[in-house]
C-alpha cells in the first residue's frame, strides 16, 4: 500500500492558493511526516517528503516501529493507488463542511453545547456591537474557521479592537475562557460505525494553540481522573460527545470524529464543561499520542513539541528525525 501523509489536508480543503507541490505545503508534510512511523506496516510504501538517515531508521526500529519502504513522490508506482493517510479525500464539498469550525459553531449553538457568548463577525462594527452587549467580559478571541491547531487565533482586550484585516479572516468571536483543562475525544469510525472511543489531554497554550498531548491506553483511567480532580461524571461528558459524533455521522463523516472540549472556571467560580470547541474529521495528533500509549498500556504517555530536550523529562526519547525543524519527545510514566 502506498501511503502519503497528507498533513496539508486542511490547506487542500480551505486554502484557495493550495497547490500540493508548493513549498509551504510540502514543508508542512516534511516537518511532521514522522508521525506516521508508530502506525507503519513493513508492507507499506511511504511516499515521502523527508530524507531519513540510517540513524533515524535504526532509532525507529529500536522503538519497535515497523520500517516501510520509503520512496520519493516522483518514484511512486503509477499503477498503484496512493492512500491519503491524514485526511481521506472522498467528497471535497462534504469534507469542507465536516471540518469547518462554522459547522461546529452551528451545532454547538443549536444543541446548547458551546458558543454561548460567541457570535460571527464580519466587521469592526460587528465586534463593537457585540462587546457592548457583553460589557463585563474583558478578553476576547477571534478564530479562523479553517485554521489548524489554533495557529491563527487572535487574542485581544475589549479596550483595543483589532484591525479590520484581522477580523475579515477570523469571523468567529468568543470570550477568552479561564480554561483549566483541554481534552480531545476521538470516535474512531469504520464502515460508518463507531468502533472505539478514546480521550487525550491536550497541552495547549493560553489561547488554545497545540503544544502536545498526553493519554493512557487504558481509558478507564479517565472516569476516576475527572471525578477525583474535577468532581465531574465522565460518563455524562461522553453522552454529550456521543450526541455530537452521531450528528457528524449523520452528515456523512467517513473518517474519525475528533471533538475538542475544555473545562473552565465559570462566573460562579466553579468548574464547568465546554463540550464542543471544534471537530476534526481526519487523523489528529491526539491519535498519534494514543497509538504511542498502546506500547505501554498501563503507563501515562506524554508527547510534547519542544525546541530543547532539556526542558522536558530526562527519560524522554525523541520522535523526530535528526534533520527535523519540529522536535518532539515522548515519555512514559506512572499515571
C-alpha atoms as a PDB file:
ATOM      1  CA  UNK A   1       0.000   0.000   0.000  1.00  0.00           C
ATOM      2  CA  UNK A   2       1.386   3.410  -0.987  1.00  0.00           C
ATOM      3  CA  UNK A   3       0.885   5.960   1.805  1.00  0.00           C
ATOM      4  CA  UNK A   4       1.021   9.748   1.568  1.00  0.00           C
ATOM      5  CA  UNK A   5       0.980  11.526   4.935  1.00  0.00           C
ATOM      6  CA  UNK A   6      -1.060  14.449   3.631  1.00  0.00           C
ATOM      7  CA  UNK A   7      -0.683  16.816   6.559  1.00  0.00           C
ATOM      8  CA  UNK A   8      -1.561  19.623   4.165  1.00  0.00           C
ATOM      9  CA  UNK A   9      -5.151  18.319   4.199  1.00  0.00           C
ATOM     10  CA  UNK A  10      -6.594  21.461   5.826  1.00  0.00           C
ATOM     11  CA  UNK A  11      -4.878  23.617   3.211  1.00  0.00           C
ATOM     12  CA  UNK A  12      -6.227  21.360   0.460  1.00  0.00           C
ATOM     13  CA  UNK A  13      -9.726  21.911   1.823  1.00  0.00           C
ATOM     14  CA  UNK A  14      -9.649  25.597   2.668  1.00  0.00           C
ATOM     15  CA  UNK A  15      -6.775  27.495   1.053  1.00  0.00           C
ATOM     16  CA  UNK A  16      -7.680  28.905  -2.396  1.00  0.00           C
ATOM     17  CA  UNK A  17      -3.972  29.154  -3.201  1.00  0.00           C
ATOM     18  CA  UNK A  18      -3.297  25.497  -2.410  1.00  0.00           C
ATOM     19  CA  UNK A  19      -1.027  23.518  -4.681  1.00  0.00           C
ATOM     20  CA  UNK A  20       0.359  20.253  -3.368  1.00  0.00           C
ATOM     21  CA  UNK A  21       3.841  20.901  -4.709  1.00  0.00           C
ATOM     22  CA  UNK A  22       4.100  24.441  -3.319  1.00  0.00           C
ATOM     23  CA  UNK A  23       6.927  24.805  -0.803  1.00  0.00           C
ATOM     24  CA  UNK A  24       4.836  25.996   2.147  1.00  0.00           C
ATOM     25  CA  UNK A  25       2.573  22.960   1.889  1.00  0.00           C
ATOM     26  CA  UNK A  26       5.261  20.343   1.221  1.00  0.00           C
ATOM     27  CA  UNK A  27       7.302  21.755   4.130  1.00  0.00           C
ATOM     28  CA  UNK A  28       4.371  21.120   6.477  1.00  0.00           C
ATOM     29  CA  UNK A  29       4.399  17.452   5.491  1.00  0.00           C
ATOM     30  CA  UNK A  30       8.192  17.285   5.660  1.00  0.00           C
ATOM     31  CA  UNK A  31       8.301  18.655   9.209  1.00  0.00           C
ATOM     32  CA  UNK A  32       5.656  16.315  10.657  1.00  0.00           C
ATOM     33  CA  UNK A  33       5.667  13.258   8.400  1.00  0.00           C
ATOM     34  CA  UNK A  34       7.439  11.207  11.073  1.00  0.00           C
ATOM     35  CA  UNK A  35       4.148  10.892  12.992  1.00  0.00           C
ATOM     36  CA  UNK A  36       3.316   8.016  10.615  1.00  0.00           C
ATOM     37  CA  UNK A  37       6.037   5.672  11.905  1.00  0.00           C
ATOM     38  CA  UNK A  38       4.156   4.409  15.000  1.00  0.00           C
ATOM     39  CA  UNK A  39       1.407   3.198  12.617  1.00  0.00           C
ATOM     40  CA  UNK A  40       3.586   1.866   9.789  1.00  0.00           C
ATOM     41  CA  UNK A  41       3.491  -1.691   8.495  1.00  0.00           C
ATOM     42  CA  UNK A  42       6.537  -3.313   6.944  1.00  0.00           C
ATOM     43  CA  UNK A  43       4.444  -3.924   3.825  1.00  0.00           C
ATOM     44  CA  UNK A  44       3.662  -0.207   3.402  1.00  0.00           C
ATOM     45  CA  UNK A  45       5.371   2.114   0.977  1.00  0.00           C
ATOM     46  CA  UNK A  46       5.753   5.633   2.374  1.00  0.00           C
ATOM     47  CA  UNK A  47       5.675   8.273  -0.355  1.00  0.00           C
ATOM     48  CA  UNK A  48       7.946  10.659   1.478  1.00  0.00           C
ATOM     49  CA  UNK A  49       8.765  14.369   1.528  1.00  0.00           C
ATOM     50  CA  UNK A  50      11.535  13.778   4.081  1.00  0.00           C
ATOM     51  CA  UNK A  51      15.007  12.214   3.966  1.00  0.00           C
ATOM     52  CA  UNK A  52      15.585   9.730   6.771  1.00  0.00           C
ATOM     53  CA  UNK A  53      19.120   8.780   7.739  1.00  0.00           C
ATOM     54  CA  UNK A  54      20.110   5.270   8.730  1.00  0.00           C
ATOM     55  CA  UNK A  55      20.381   6.605  12.290  1.00  0.00           C
ATOM     56  CA  UNK A  56      16.739   7.711  12.087  1.00  0.00           C
ATOM     57  CA  UNK A  57      15.566   4.336  10.814  1.00  0.00           C
ATOM     58  CA  UNK A  58      17.600   2.439  13.412  1.00  0.00           C
ATOM     59  CA  UNK A  59      16.117   4.683  16.100  1.00  0.00           C
ATOM     60  CA  UNK A  60      12.601   3.825  14.932  1.00  0.00           C
ATOM     61  CA  UNK A  61      13.469   0.126  14.796  1.00  0.00           C
ATOM     62  CA  UNK A  62      14.746   0.319  18.369  1.00  0.00           C
ATOM     63  CA  UNK A  63      11.429   1.879  19.387  1.00  0.00           C
ATOM     64  CA  UNK A  64       9.669  -1.149  17.926  1.00  0.00           C
ATOM     65  CA  UNK A  65       8.260   0.586  14.845  1.00  0.00           C
ATOM     66  CA  UNK A  66       7.964  -1.195  11.528  1.00  0.00           C
ATOM     67  CA  UNK A  67      10.005   0.421   8.771  1.00  0.00           C
ATOM     68  CA  UNK A  68       8.115   0.765   5.491  1.00  0.00           C
ATOM     69  CA  UNK A  69       9.689   1.033   2.083  1.00  0.00           C
ATOM     70  CA  UNK A  70      10.394   4.738   1.524  1.00  0.00           C
ATOM     71  CA  UNK A  71      10.148   6.394  -1.887  1.00  0.00           C
ATOM     72  CA  UNK A  72      10.178   9.910  -3.265  1.00  0.00           C
ATOM     73  CA  UNK A  73       6.897  11.064  -4.829  1.00  0.00           C
ATOM     74  CA  UNK A  74       8.390  11.000  -8.319  1.00  0.00           C
ATOM     75  CA  UNK A  75       9.337   7.333  -7.843  1.00  0.00           C
ATOM     76  CA  UNK A  76       5.878   6.202  -6.729  1.00  0.00           C
ATOM     77  CA  UNK A  77       4.337   3.260  -8.584  1.00  0.00           C
ATOM     78  CA  UNK A  78       1.939   4.875 -11.037  1.00  0.00           C
ATOM     79  CA  UNK A  79      -0.012   1.625 -11.324  1.00  0.00           C
ATOM     80  CA  UNK A  80      -0.899   1.572  -7.625  1.00  0.00           C
ATOM     81  CA  UNK A  81      -3.200   4.000  -5.812  1.00  0.00           C
ATOM     82  CA  UNK A  82      -1.801   6.387  -3.215  1.00  0.00           C
ATOM     83  CA  UNK A  83      -3.702   6.432   0.071  1.00  0.00           C
ATOM     84  CA  UNK A  84      -4.137   9.870   1.662  1.00  0.00           C
ATOM     85  CA  UNK A  85      -3.426   8.848   5.244  1.00  0.00           C
ATOM     86  CA  UNK A  86      -4.003  12.004   7.325  1.00  0.00           C
ATOM     87  CA  UNK A  87      -7.238  13.103   5.676  1.00  0.00           C
ATOM     88  CA  UNK A  88      -9.168  10.819   3.371  1.00  0.00           C
ATOM     89  CA  UNK A  89     -10.326  12.522   0.195  1.00  0.00           C
ATOM     90  CA  UNK A  90     -13.762  11.258  -0.834  1.00  0.00           C
ATOM     91  CA  UNK A  91     -16.078  14.283  -1.336  1.00  0.00           C
ATOM     92  CA  UNK A  92     -14.413  17.678  -1.071  1.00  0.00           C
ATOM     93  CA  UNK A  93     -17.548  19.757  -0.532  1.00  0.00           C
ATOM     94  CA  UNK A  94     -18.694  17.446   2.258  1.00  0.00           C
ATOM     95  CA  UNK A  95     -15.216  17.322   3.788  1.00  0.00           C
ATOM     96  CA  UNK A  96     -15.133  21.134   3.903  1.00  0.00           C
ATOM     97  CA  UNK A  97     -18.461  21.177   5.721  1.00  0.00           C
ATOM     98  CA  UNK A  98     -17.393  18.488   8.198  1.00  0.00           C
ATOM     99  CA  UNK A  99     -14.074  20.136   9.070  1.00  0.00           C
ATOM    100  CA  UNK A 100     -15.168  23.782   9.147  1.00  0.00           C
ATOM    101  CA  UNK A 101     -15.447  25.439  12.550  1.00  0.00           C
ATOM    102  CA  UNK A 102     -18.538  27.191  11.215  1.00  0.00           C
ATOM    103  CA  UNK A 103     -20.247  23.801  11.254  1.00  0.00           C
ATOM    104  CA  UNK A 104     -19.182  23.042  14.821  1.00  0.00           C
ATOM    105  CA  UNK A 105     -20.279  26.533  15.916  1.00  0.00           C
ATOM    106  CA  UNK A 106     -23.725  25.932  14.413  1.00  0.00           C
ATOM    107  CA  UNK A 107     -24.059  22.540  16.113  1.00  0.00           C
ATOM    108  CA  UNK A 108     -22.868  23.971  19.440  1.00  0.00           C
ATOM    109  CA  UNK A 109     -25.461  26.755  19.315  1.00  0.00           C
ATOM    110  CA  UNK A 110     -28.347  24.536  18.216  1.00  0.00           C
ATOM    111  CA  UNK A 111     -27.683  21.915  20.907  1.00  0.00           C
ATOM    112  CA  UNK A 112     -26.530  24.107  23.824  1.00  0.00           C
ATOM    113  CA  UNK A 113     -23.011  22.640  23.630  1.00  0.00           C
ATOM    114  CA  UNK A 114     -20.968  25.852  23.488  1.00  0.00           C
ATOM    115  CA  UNK A 115     -20.527  29.220  21.757  1.00  0.00           C
ATOM    116  CA  UNK A 116     -22.825  30.687  24.433  1.00  0.00           C
ATOM    117  CA  UNK A 117     -21.434  34.235  24.301  1.00  0.00           C
ATOM    118  CA  UNK A 118     -19.974  33.928  20.834  1.00  0.00           C
ATOM    119  CA  UNK A 119     -21.034  35.449  17.538  1.00  0.00           C
ATOM    120  CA  UNK A 120     -19.933  35.529  13.908  1.00  0.00           C
ATOM    121  CA  UNK A 121     -18.465  38.923  12.980  1.00  0.00           C
ATOM    122  CA  UNK A 122     -17.550  40.430   9.623  1.00  0.00           C
ATOM    123  CA  UNK A 123     -16.503  43.964  10.573  1.00  0.00           C
ATOM    124  CA  UNK A 124     -15.193  46.029  13.463  1.00  0.00           C
ATOM    125  CA  UNK A 125     -18.718  47.370  13.894  1.00  0.00           C
ATOM    126  CA  UNK A 126     -19.970  43.817  14.490  1.00  0.00           C
ATOM    127  CA  UNK A 127     -17.343  43.354  17.191  1.00  0.00           C
ATOM    128  CA  UNK A 128     -18.112  46.702  18.832  1.00  0.00           C
ATOM    129  CA  UNK A 129     -21.841  45.956  18.947  1.00  0.00           C
ATOM    130  CA  UNK A 130     -21.315  42.515  20.460  1.00  0.00           C
ATOM    131  CA  UNK A 131     -18.881  43.783  23.086  1.00  0.00           C
ATOM    132  CA  UNK A 132     -21.389  46.447  24.073  1.00  0.00           C
ATOM    133  CA  UNK A 133     -23.869  43.659  24.851  1.00  0.00           C
ATOM    134  CA  UNK A 134     -21.277  41.844  26.982  1.00  0.00           C
ATOM    135  CA  UNK A 135     -19.523  44.689  28.800  1.00  0.00           C
ATOM    136  CA  UNK A 136     -18.423  42.531  31.745  1.00  0.00           C
ATOM    137  CA  UNK A 137     -16.218  40.325  29.555  1.00  0.00           C
ATOM    138  CA  UNK A 138     -12.678  41.730  29.348  1.00  0.00           C
ATOM    139  CA  UNK A 139     -10.818  39.444  26.914  1.00  0.00           C
ATOM    140  CA  UNK A 140     -11.911  38.000  23.611  1.00  0.00           C
ATOM    141  CA  UNK A 141     -10.544  35.714  20.930  1.00  0.00           C
ATOM    142  CA  UNK A 142     -11.036  35.660  17.153  1.00  0.00           C
ATOM    143  CA  UNK A 143     -10.720  32.374  15.286  1.00  0.00           C
ATOM    144  CA  UNK A 144     -10.263  31.406  11.668  1.00  0.00           C
ATOM    145  CA  UNK A 145     -12.927  28.805  10.798  1.00  0.00           C
ATOM    146  CA  UNK A 146     -10.361  26.851   8.786  1.00  0.00           C
ATOM    147  CA  UNK A 147      -7.264  27.012  10.997  1.00  0.00           C
ATOM    148  CA  UNK A 148      -5.327  24.046  12.378  1.00  0.00           C
ATOM    149  CA  UNK A 149      -4.059  23.563  15.949  1.00  0.00           C
ATOM    150  CA  UNK A 150      -5.080  27.072  16.965  1.00  0.00           C
ATOM    151  CA  UNK A 151      -2.258  28.710  14.996  1.00  0.00           C
ATOM    152  CA  UNK A 152      -4.327  31.632  13.699  1.00  0.00           C
ATOM    153  CA  UNK A 153      -6.157  32.580  16.913  1.00  0.00           C
ATOM    154  CA  UNK A 154      -6.069  36.292  17.772  1.00  0.00           C
ATOM    155  CA  UNK A 155      -6.430  37.429  21.368  1.00  0.00           C
ATOM    156  CA  UNK A 156      -7.500  40.981  22.227  1.00  0.00           C
ATOM    157  CA  UNK A 157      -8.867  43.137  25.040  1.00  0.00           C
ATOM    158  CA  UNK A 158     -12.209  44.912  24.821  1.00  0.00           C
ATOM    159  CA  UNK A 159     -10.235  48.156  25.119  1.00  0.00           C
ATOM    160  CA  UNK A 160      -8.439  47.555  21.827  1.00  0.00           C
ATOM    161  CA  UNK A 161     -10.500  46.200  18.937  1.00  0.00           C
ATOM    162  CA  UNK A 162      -8.268  44.514  16.310  1.00  0.00           C
ATOM    163  CA  UNK A 163      -7.606  45.881  12.806  1.00  0.00           C
ATOM    164  CA  UNK A 164     -10.199  45.201  10.121  1.00  0.00           C
ATOM    165  CA  UNK A 165      -7.959  42.795   8.158  1.00  0.00           C
ATOM    166  CA  UNK A 166      -7.669  40.560  11.236  1.00  0.00           C
ATOM    167  CA  UNK A 167     -11.449  40.443  11.571  1.00  0.00           C
ATOM    168  CA  UNK A 168     -12.030  39.619   7.899  1.00  0.00           C
ATOM    169  CA  UNK A 169     -10.043  36.365   8.180  1.00  0.00           C
ATOM    170  CA  UNK A 170     -11.292  35.408  11.647  1.00  0.00           C
ATOM    171  CA  UNK A 171     -15.095  35.702  11.866  1.00  0.00           C
ATOM    172  CA  UNK A 172     -15.579  33.504  14.959  1.00  0.00           C
ATOM    173  CA  UNK A 173     -15.656  35.694  18.085  1.00  0.00           C
ATOM    174  CA  UNK A 174     -15.768  34.251  21.592  1.00  0.00           C
ATOM    175  CA  UNK A 175     -14.804  35.257  25.123  1.00  0.00           C
ATOM    176  CA  UNK A 176     -11.451  34.028  26.386  1.00  0.00           C
ATOM    177  CA  UNK A 177     -12.470  31.445  28.973  1.00  0.00           C
ATOM    178  CA  UNK A 178     -10.492  30.629  32.108  1.00  0.00           C
ATOM    179  CA  UNK A 179      -9.582  27.187  30.802  1.00  0.00           C
ATOM    180  CA  UNK A 180      -8.077  24.682  33.218  1.00  0.00           C
ATOM    181  CA  UNK A 181      -8.032  21.536  31.077  1.00  0.00           C
ATOM    182  CA  UNK A 182      -8.149  20.923  27.336  1.00  0.00           C
ATOM    183  CA  UNK A 183      -9.021  17.472  26.073  1.00  0.00           C
ATOM    184  CA  UNK A 184      -9.940  15.774  22.823  1.00  0.00           C
ATOM    185  CA  UNK A 185     -12.164  12.732  22.400  1.00  0.00           C
ATOM    186  CA  UNK A 186     -11.938  10.642  19.246  1.00  0.00           C
ATOM    187  CA  UNK A 187     -14.667   8.409  17.893  1.00  0.00           C
ATOM    188  CA  UNK A 188     -12.887   6.002  15.564  1.00  0.00           C
ATOM    189  CA  UNK A 189     -15.090   5.248  12.560  1.00  0.00           C
ATOM    190  CA  UNK A 190     -15.056   2.152  10.355  1.00  0.00           C
ATOM    191  CA  UNK A 191     -17.742   1.378   7.759  1.00  0.00           C
ATOM    192  CA  UNK A 192     -19.811   4.351   9.015  1.00  0.00           C
ATOM    193  CA  UNK A 193     -19.889   2.935  12.559  1.00  0.00           C
ATOM    194  CA  UNK A 194     -18.053   3.938  15.721  1.00  0.00           C
ATOM    195  CA  UNK A 195     -15.653   1.144  16.688  1.00  0.00           C
ATOM    196  CA  UNK A 196     -13.687   2.772  19.518  1.00  0.00           C
ATOM    197  CA  UNK A 197     -13.616   5.899  21.704  1.00  0.00           C
ATOM    198  CA  UNK A 198     -10.570   7.406  23.382  1.00  0.00           C
ATOM    199  CA  UNK A 199      -9.628  10.653  25.115  1.00  0.00           C
ATOM    200  CA  UNK A 200      -6.352  12.567  25.293  1.00  0.00           C
ATOM    201  CA  UNK A 201      -5.368  15.587  27.341  1.00  0.00           C
ATOM    202  CA  UNK A 202      -4.222  18.388  25.035  1.00  0.00           C
ATOM    203  CA  UNK A 203      -1.350  20.563  26.216  1.00  0.00           C
ATOM    204  CA  UNK A 204      -2.402  23.902  24.740  1.00  0.00           C
ATOM    205  CA  UNK A 205      -1.211  27.409  25.492  1.00  0.00           C
ATOM    206  CA  UNK A 206      -3.495  30.133  26.896  1.00  0.00           C
ATOM    207  CA  UNK A 207      -5.200  30.790  23.554  1.00  0.00           C
ATOM    208  CA  UNK A 208      -5.598  27.155  22.557  1.00  0.00           C
ATOM    209  CA  UNK A 209      -2.536  26.529  20.393  1.00  0.00           C
ATOM    210  CA  UNK A 210      -1.488  22.877  20.463  1.00  0.00           C
ATOM    211  CA  UNK A 211       1.831  22.042  22.174  1.00  0.00           C
ATOM    212  CA  UNK A 212       1.451  18.319  22.823  1.00  0.00           C
ATOM    213  CA  UNK A 213      -0.774  15.641  24.292  1.00  0.00           C
ATOM    214  CA  UNK A 214      -0.937  13.010  26.992  1.00  0.00           C
ATOM    215  CA  UNK A 215      -3.038   9.898  27.480  1.00  0.00           C
ATOM    216  CA  UNK A 216      -3.171   6.322  28.703  1.00  0.00           C
ATOM    217  CA  UNK A 217      -4.294   3.361  26.627  1.00  0.00           C
ATOM    218  CA  UNK A 218      -6.433   2.010  29.456  1.00  0.00           C
ATOM    219  CA  UNK A 219      -9.233   4.553  29.073  1.00  0.00           C
ATOM    220  CA  UNK A 220     -10.975   3.548  32.317  1.00  0.00           C
ATOM    221  CA  UNK A 221      -8.439   5.894  33.912  1.00  0.00           C
ATOM    222  CA  UNK A 222     -10.412   8.961  32.813  1.00  0.00           C
ATOM    223  CA  UNK A 223     -13.523   8.049  34.826  1.00  0.00           C
ATOM    224  CA  UNK A 224     -11.533   8.420  38.059  1.00  0.00           C
ATOM    225  CA  UNK A 225      -9.466  11.295  36.669  1.00  0.00           C
ATOM    226  CA  UNK A 226     -12.463  13.575  36.064  1.00  0.00           C
ATOM    227  CA  UNK A 227     -14.225  12.542  39.261  1.00  0.00           C
ATOM    228  CA  UNK A 228     -11.259  12.906  41.608  1.00  0.00           C
ATOM    229  CA  UNK A 229      -9.792  16.086  40.115  1.00  0.00           C
ATOM    230  CA  UNK A 230     -12.918  17.965  38.982  1.00  0.00           C
ATOM    231  CA  UNK A 231     -15.902  16.187  40.574  1.00  0.00           C
ATOM    232  CA  UNK A 232     -17.348  15.514  37.119  1.00  0.00           C
ATOM    233  CA  UNK A 233     -19.020  12.372  35.808  1.00  0.00           C
ATOM    234  CA  UNK A 234     -17.061  11.291  32.728  1.00  0.00           C
ATOM    235  CA  UNK A 235     -19.957   9.101  31.577  1.00  0.00           C
ATOM    236  CA  UNK A 236     -22.170  12.194  31.310  1.00  0.00           C
ATOM    237  CA  UNK A 237     -19.436  14.021  29.406  1.00  0.00           C
ATOM    238  CA  UNK A 238     -19.255  11.132  26.943  1.00  0.00           C
ATOM    239  CA  UNK A 239     -23.035  11.248  26.468  1.00  0.00           C
ATOM    240  CA  UNK A 240     -22.775  14.839  25.219  1.00  0.00           C
ATOM    241  CA  UNK A 241     -19.859  13.978  22.967  1.00  0.00           C
ATOM    242  CA  UNK A 242     -21.660  10.918  21.601  1.00  0.00           C
ATOM    243  CA  UNK A 243     -24.501  13.222  20.526  1.00  0.00           C
ATOM    244  CA  UNK A 244     -22.015  15.339  18.571  1.00  0.00           C
ATOM    245  CA  UNK A 245     -20.382  12.297  16.968  1.00  0.00           C
ATOM    246  CA  UNK A 246     -23.771  10.958  15.883  1.00  0.00           C
ATOM    247  CA  UNK A 247     -24.611  14.269  14.204  1.00  0.00           C
ATOM    248  CA  UNK A 248     -21.367  14.118  12.208  1.00  0.00           C
ATOM    249  CA  UNK A 249     -22.062  10.520  11.207  1.00  0.00           C
ATOM    250  CA  UNK A 250     -25.495  11.614  10.001  1.00  0.00           C
ATOM    251  CA  UNK A 251     -23.839  14.364   7.942  1.00  0.00           C
ATOM    252  CA  UNK A 252     -21.760  11.712   6.195  1.00  0.00           C
ATOM    253  CA  UNK A 253     -18.408  11.547   8.005  1.00  0.00           C
ATOM    254  CA  UNK A 254     -16.369   8.530   6.906  1.00  0.00           C
ATOM    255  CA  UNK A 255     -13.294   9.387   8.975  1.00  0.00           C
ATOM    256  CA  UNK A 256     -12.509   9.570  12.667  1.00  0.00           C
ATOM    257  CA  UNK A 257     -14.510  12.228  14.515  1.00  0.00           C
ATOM    258  CA  UNK A 258     -12.318  14.091  16.990  1.00  0.00           C
ATOM    259  CA  UNK A 259     -14.076  16.539  19.328  1.00  0.00           C
ATOM    260  CA  UNK A 260     -12.138  19.212  21.215  1.00  0.00           C
ATOM    261  CA  UNK A 261     -13.531  20.239  24.619  1.00  0.00           C
ATOM    262  CA  UNK A 262     -12.300  22.005  27.726  1.00  0.00           C
ATOM    263  CA  UNK A 263     -13.010  22.589  31.401  1.00  0.00           C
ATOM    264  CA  UNK A 264     -13.102  26.153  32.661  1.00  0.00           C
ATOM    265  CA  UNK A 265     -13.898  28.229  35.725  1.00  0.00           C
ATOM    266  CA  UNK A 266     -17.329  29.772  35.268  1.00  0.00           C
ATOM    267  CA  UNK A 267     -18.624  33.110  36.576  1.00  0.00           C
ATOM    268  CA  UNK A 268     -19.587  31.445  39.863  1.00  0.00           C
ATOM    269  CA  UNK A 269     -16.053  30.184  40.412  1.00  0.00           C
ATOM    270  CA  UNK A 270     -16.974  26.553  39.699  1.00  0.00           C
ATOM    271  CA  UNK A 271     -15.526  24.051  37.249  1.00  0.00           C
ATOM    272  CA  UNK A 272     -17.711  23.706  34.170  1.00  0.00           C
ATOM    273  CA  UNK A 273     -17.620  21.856  30.851  1.00  0.00           C
ATOM    274  CA  UNK A 274     -17.401  23.448  27.400  1.00  0.00           C
ATOM    275  CA  UNK A 275     -18.330  20.388  25.312  1.00  0.00           C
ATOM    276  CA  UNK A 276     -17.810  21.491  21.709  1.00  0.00           C
ATOM    277  CA  UNK A 277     -14.912  23.721  20.681  1.00  0.00           C
ATOM    278  CA  UNK A 278     -14.363  22.201  17.247  1.00  0.00           C
ATOM    279  CA  UNK A 279     -14.459  18.901  15.376  1.00  0.00           C
ATOM    280  CA  UNK A 280     -11.812  17.354  13.122  1.00  0.00           C
ATOM    281  CA  UNK A 281     -12.895  14.586  10.756  1.00  0.00           C
ATOM    282  CA  UNK A 282      -9.412  13.287   9.997  1.00  0.00           C
ATOM    283  CA  UNK A 283      -6.454  11.853  11.848  1.00  0.00           C
ATOM    284  CA  UNK A 284      -5.064  14.046  14.624  1.00  0.00           C
ATOM    285  CA  UNK A 285      -2.052  14.483  16.879  1.00  0.00           C
ATOM    286  CA  UNK A 286      -4.221  13.003  19.630  1.00  0.00           C
ATOM    287  CA  UNK A 287      -4.451   9.784  17.622  1.00  0.00           C
ATOM    288  CA  UNK A 288      -0.645   9.691  17.382  1.00  0.00           C
ATOM    289  CA  UNK A 289      -0.356  10.039  21.166  1.00  0.00           C
ATOM    290  CA  UNK A 290      -2.941   7.290  21.679  1.00  0.00           C
ATOM    291  CA  UNK A 291      -1.039   4.971  19.350  1.00  0.00           C
ATOM    292  CA  UNK A 292       2.175   5.657  21.273  1.00  0.00           C
ATOM    293  CA  UNK A 293       0.345   4.847  24.522  1.00  0.00           C
ATOM    294  CA  UNK A 294      -0.602   1.421  23.130  1.00  0.00           C
ATOM    295  CA  UNK A 295       3.020   0.288  23.598  1.00  0.00           C
ATOM    296  CA  UNK A 296       2.839   0.648  27.383  1.00  0.00           C
ATOM    297  CA  UNK A 297      -0.916   0.447  28.129  1.00  0.00           C
ATOM    298  CA  UNK A 298      -0.647   0.829  31.925  1.00  0.00           C
ATOM    299  CA  UNK A 299       1.610   3.897  31.787  1.00  0.00           C
ATOM    300  CA  UNK A 300       0.811   7.518  31.053  1.00  0.00           C
ATOM    301  CA  UNK A 301       2.235   8.677  27.707  1.00  0.00           C
ATOM    302  CA  UNK A 302       3.307  12.298  27.229  1.00  0.00           C
ATOM    303  CA  UNK A 303       4.197  13.570  23.756  1.00  0.00           C
ATOM    304  CA  UNK A 304       5.313  17.181  23.574  1.00  0.00           C
ATOM    305  CA  UNK A 305       6.699  19.535  20.963  1.00  0.00           C
ATOM    306  CA  UNK A 306       9.719  21.402  22.257  1.00  0.00           C
ATOM    307  CA  UNK A 307      12.754  23.255  20.989  1.00  0.00           C
ATOM    308  CA  UNK A 308      15.065  21.936  23.668  1.00  0.00           C
ATOM    309  CA  UNK A 309      15.032  18.478  25.234  1.00  0.00           C
ATOM    310  CA  UNK A 310      16.482  19.920  28.460  1.00  0.00           C
ATOM    311  CA  UNK A 311      13.110  21.465  29.229  1.00  0.00           C
ATOM    312  CA  UNK A 312      11.466  18.025  29.199  1.00  0.00           C
ATOM    313  CA  UNK A 313      11.975  14.824  31.186  1.00  0.00           C
ATOM    314  CA  UNK A 314      15.400  13.196  31.403  1.00  0.00           C
ATOM    315  CA  UNK A 315      13.944   9.804  30.475  1.00  0.00           C
ATOM    316  CA  UNK A 316      12.288  11.075  27.280  1.00  0.00           C
ATOM    317  CA  UNK A 317      13.159   9.933  23.770  1.00  0.00           C
ATOM    318  CA  UNK A 318      12.812  11.878  20.544  1.00  0.00           C
ATOM    319  CA  UNK A 319      10.279  11.014  17.864  1.00  0.00           C
ATOM    320  CA  UNK A 320      11.528  13.418  15.194  1.00  0.00           C
ATOM    321  CA  UNK A 321      14.251  12.593  12.627  1.00  0.00           C
ATOM    322  CA  UNK A 322      17.666  14.192  13.017  1.00  0.00           C
ATOM    323  CA  UNK A 323      17.138  16.987  10.486  1.00  0.00           C
ATOM    324  CA  UNK A 324      13.615  17.944  11.556  1.00  0.00           C
ATOM    325  CA  UNK A 325      12.835  21.561  12.412  1.00  0.00           C
ATOM    326  CA  UNK A 326       9.928  20.394  14.581  1.00  0.00           C
ATOM    327  CA  UNK A 327      11.199  18.416  17.561  1.00  0.00           C
ATOM    328  CA  UNK A 328       9.041  16.258  19.802  1.00  0.00           C
ATOM    329  CA  UNK A 329       9.708  13.980  22.741  1.00  0.00           C
ATOM    330  CA  UNK A 330       7.874  11.062  24.315  1.00  0.00           C
ATOM    331  CA  UNK A 331       7.854   9.981  27.962  1.00  0.00           C
ATOM    332  CA  UNK A 332       6.156   7.086  29.687  1.00  0.00           C
ATOM    333  CA  UNK A 333       5.487   7.386  33.419  1.00  0.00           C
ATOM    334  CA  UNK A 334       3.237   6.035  36.145  1.00  0.00           C
ATOM    335  CA  UNK A 335      -0.228   7.561  35.978  1.00  0.00           C
END
